[in-house]
Amino acid sequence: MSGADPAHRITMIGKPGCHLCDEALRIIERVAADLGVSYDVRDITEAPPEERDEYWEKIPVTFVDGKPHDFWRVSEKRLRAALT
């Protein structure tokens, strides 16, 4: 592990069958494992209406510590930088 705060948390909003979400999740899993950071994945189809309205066209959407980080694609380099 290199310098990440284990208190950090990554959240991804996606949906089943979304190939961009699958790609993003692979990056998130790799970065989280390398840095010892936790993550969770939320299904936009089960989200409150206001969240669906805001993020539906942007999935996958990633958050670091509850703050928007990336949408449509996840940059591994940017994600690592945000966590270290």
C-alpha atoms as a PDB file:
ATOM      1  CA  MET A   1       0.000   0.000   0.000  1.00  0.00           C
ATOM      2  CA  SER A   2       1.221   3.418  -0.826  1.00  0.00           C
ATOM      3  CA  GLY A   3       0.039   6.422   1.095  1.00  0.00           C
ATOM      4  CA  ALA A   4      -3.750   6.166   0.783  1.00  0.00           C
ATOM      5  CA  ASP A   5      -5.900   6.983   3.769  1.00  0.00           C
ATOM      6  CA  PRO A   6      -7.929   3.814   4.460  1.00  0.00           C
ATOM      7  CA  ALA A   7     -10.743   6.087   5.632  1.00  0.00           C
ATOM      8  CA  HIS A   8     -11.284   7.148   2.013  1.00  0.00           C
ATOM      9  CA  ARG A   9     -14.260   5.616   0.243  1.00  0.00           C
ATOM     10  CA  ILE A  10     -15.017   5.229  -3.454  1.00  0.00           C
ATOM     11  CA  THR A  11     -18.628   5.020  -4.590  1.00  0.00           C
ATOM     12  CA  MET A  12     -19.740   4.184  -8.097  1.00  0.00           C
ATOM     13  CA  ILE A  13     -23.247   4.622  -9.455  1.00  0.00           C
ATOM     14  CA  GLY A  14     -23.903   2.358 -12.424  1.00  0.00           C
ATOM     15  CA  LYS A  15     -26.390  -0.140 -13.745  1.00  0.00           C
ATOM     16  CA  PRO A  16     -26.379  -3.802 -14.758  1.00  0.00           C
ATOM     17  CA  GLY A  17     -25.435  -4.450 -18.377  1.00  0.00           C
ATOM     18  CA  CYS A  18     -23.488  -1.190 -18.753  1.00  0.00           C
ATOM     19  CA  HIS A  19     -20.109  -1.929 -20.375  1.00  0.00           C
ATOM     20  CA  LEU A  20     -18.644   1.407 -19.226  1.00  0.00           C
ATOM     21  CA  CYS A  21     -19.714   0.537 -15.680  1.00  0.00           C
ATOM     22  CA  ASP A  22     -17.996  -2.847 -15.945  1.00  0.00           C
ATOM     23  CA  GLU A  23     -14.767  -1.163 -17.121  1.00  0.00           C
ATOM     24  CA  ALA A  24     -14.973   1.445 -14.358  1.00  0.00           C
ATOM     25  CA  LEU A  25     -15.552  -1.206 -11.712  1.00  0.00           C
ATOM     26  CA  ARG A  26     -12.454  -3.143 -12.789  1.00  0.00           C
ATOM     27  CA  ILE A  27     -10.358   0.012 -12.312  1.00  0.00           C
ATOM     28  CA  ILE A  28     -11.998   0.822  -8.978  1.00  0.00           C
ATOM     29  CA  GLU A  29     -11.448  -2.734  -7.705  1.00  0.00           C
ATOM     30  CA  ARG A  30      -7.773  -2.644  -8.716  1.00  0.00           C
ATOM     31  CA  VAL A  31      -7.105   0.776  -7.160  1.00  0.00           C
ATOM     32  CA  ALA A  32      -9.057  -0.032  -3.992  1.00  0.00           C
ATOM     33  CA  ALA A  33      -7.143  -3.296  -3.522  1.00  0.00           C
ATOM     34  CA  ASP A  34      -3.769  -1.658  -4.171  1.00  0.00           C
ATOM     35  CA  LEU A  35      -4.430   1.213  -1.764  1.00  0.00           C
ATOM     36  CA  GLY A  36      -6.520  -0.556   0.872  1.00  0.00           C
ATOM     37  CA  VAL A  37      -9.523   1.696   0.274  1.00  0.00           C
ATOM     38  CA  SER A  38     -13.138   0.567   0.537  1.00  0.00           C
ATOM     39  CA  TYR A  39     -15.681   0.995  -2.235  1.00  0.00           C
ATOM     40  CA  ASP A  40     -19.323   0.390  -2.918  1.00  0.00           C
ATOM     41  CA  VAL A  41     -21.458   0.191  -6.028  1.00  0.00           C
ATOM     42  CA  ARG A  42     -24.985   1.546  -6.255  1.00  0.00           C
ATOM     43  CA  ASP A  43     -27.528   0.631  -8.926  1.00  0.00           C
ATOM     44  CA  ILE A  44     -29.023   3.759 -10.487  1.00  0.00           C
ATOM     45  CA  THR A  45     -32.222   1.873 -11.322  1.00  0.00           C
ATOM     46  CA  GLU A  46     -32.844   1.635  -7.562  1.00  0.00           C
ATOM     47  CA  ALA A  47     -31.849   5.237  -6.783  1.00  0.00           C
ATOM     48  CA  PRO A  48     -34.219   8.012  -5.718  1.00  0.00           C
ATOM     49  CA  PRO A  49     -35.804   9.885  -8.657  1.00  0.00           C
ATOM     50  CA  GLU A  50     -33.692  13.021  -8.182  1.00  0.00           C
ATOM     51  CA  GLU A  51     -30.485  10.971  -8.295  1.00  0.00           C
ATOM     52  CA  ARG A  52     -31.654   9.121 -11.417  1.00  0.00           C
ATOM     53  CA  ASP A  53     -32.499  12.457 -13.076  1.00  0.00           C
ATOM     54  CA  GLU A  54     -29.089  13.917 -12.261  1.00  0.00           C
ATOM     55  CA  TYR A  55     -26.845  10.948 -13.097  1.00  0.00           C
ATOM     56  CA  TRP A  56     -28.670   8.667 -15.563  1.00  0.00           C
ATOM     57  CA  GLU A  57     -26.920  10.056 -18.658  1.00  0.00           C
ATOM     58  CA  LYS A  58     -23.518  10.202 -16.899  1.00  0.00           C
ATOM     59  CA  ILE A  59     -23.065   6.652 -15.607  1.00  0.00           C
ATOM     60  CA  PRO A  60     -20.801   5.346 -14.435  1.00  0.00           C
ATOM     61  CA  VAL A  61     -20.417   8.153 -11.936  1.00  0.00           C
ATOM     62  CA  THR A  62     -17.705   7.871  -9.305  1.00  0.00           C
ATOM     63  CA  PHE A  63     -17.391   9.711  -6.015  1.00  0.00           C
ATOM     64  CA  VAL A  64     -14.446   9.946  -3.646  1.00  0.00           C
ATOM     65  CA  ASP A  65     -15.501  10.563  -0.069  1.00  0.00           C
ATOM     66  CA  GLY A  66     -18.963  11.547  -1.248  1.00  0.00           C
ATOM     67  CA  LYS A  67     -17.770  14.185  -3.713  1.00  0.00           C
ATOM     68  CA  PRO A  68     -18.232  13.753  -7.495  1.00  0.00           C
ATOM     69  CA  HIS A  69     -15.007  12.599  -9.104  1.00  0.00           C
ATOM     70  CA  ASP A  70     -15.543  11.232 -12.634  1.00  0.00           C
ATOM     71  CA  PHE A  71     -18.360  10.308 -14.966  1.00  0.00           C
ATOM     72  CA  TRP A  72     -18.609   8.132 -18.100  1.00  0.00           C
ATOM     73  CA  ARG A  73     -15.069   6.837 -17.663  1.00  0.00           C
ATOM     74  CA  VAL A  74     -12.759   6.381 -14.699  1.00  0.00           C
ATOM     75  CA  SER A  75      -9.190   7.543 -15.018  1.00  0.00           C
ATOM     76  CA  GLU A  76      -7.023   5.242 -12.937  1.00  0.00           C
ATOM     77  CA  LYS A  77      -4.341   7.918 -12.648  1.00  0.00           C
ATOM     78  CA  ARG A  78      -6.835  10.572 -11.425  1.00  0.00           C
ATOM     79  CA  LEU A  79      -8.456   8.138  -9.008  1.00  0.00           C
ATOM     80  CA  ARG A  80      -5.121   7.137  -7.484  1.00  0.00           C
ATOM     81  CA  ALA A  81      -4.126  10.808  -7.168  1.00  0.00           C
ATOM     82  CA  ALA A  82      -7.382  11.646  -5.393  1.00  0.00           C
ATOM     83  CA  LEU A  83      -6.781   8.880  -2.850  1.00  0.00           C
ATOM     84  CA  THR A  84      -3.127   9.566  -2.019  1.00  0.00           C
END
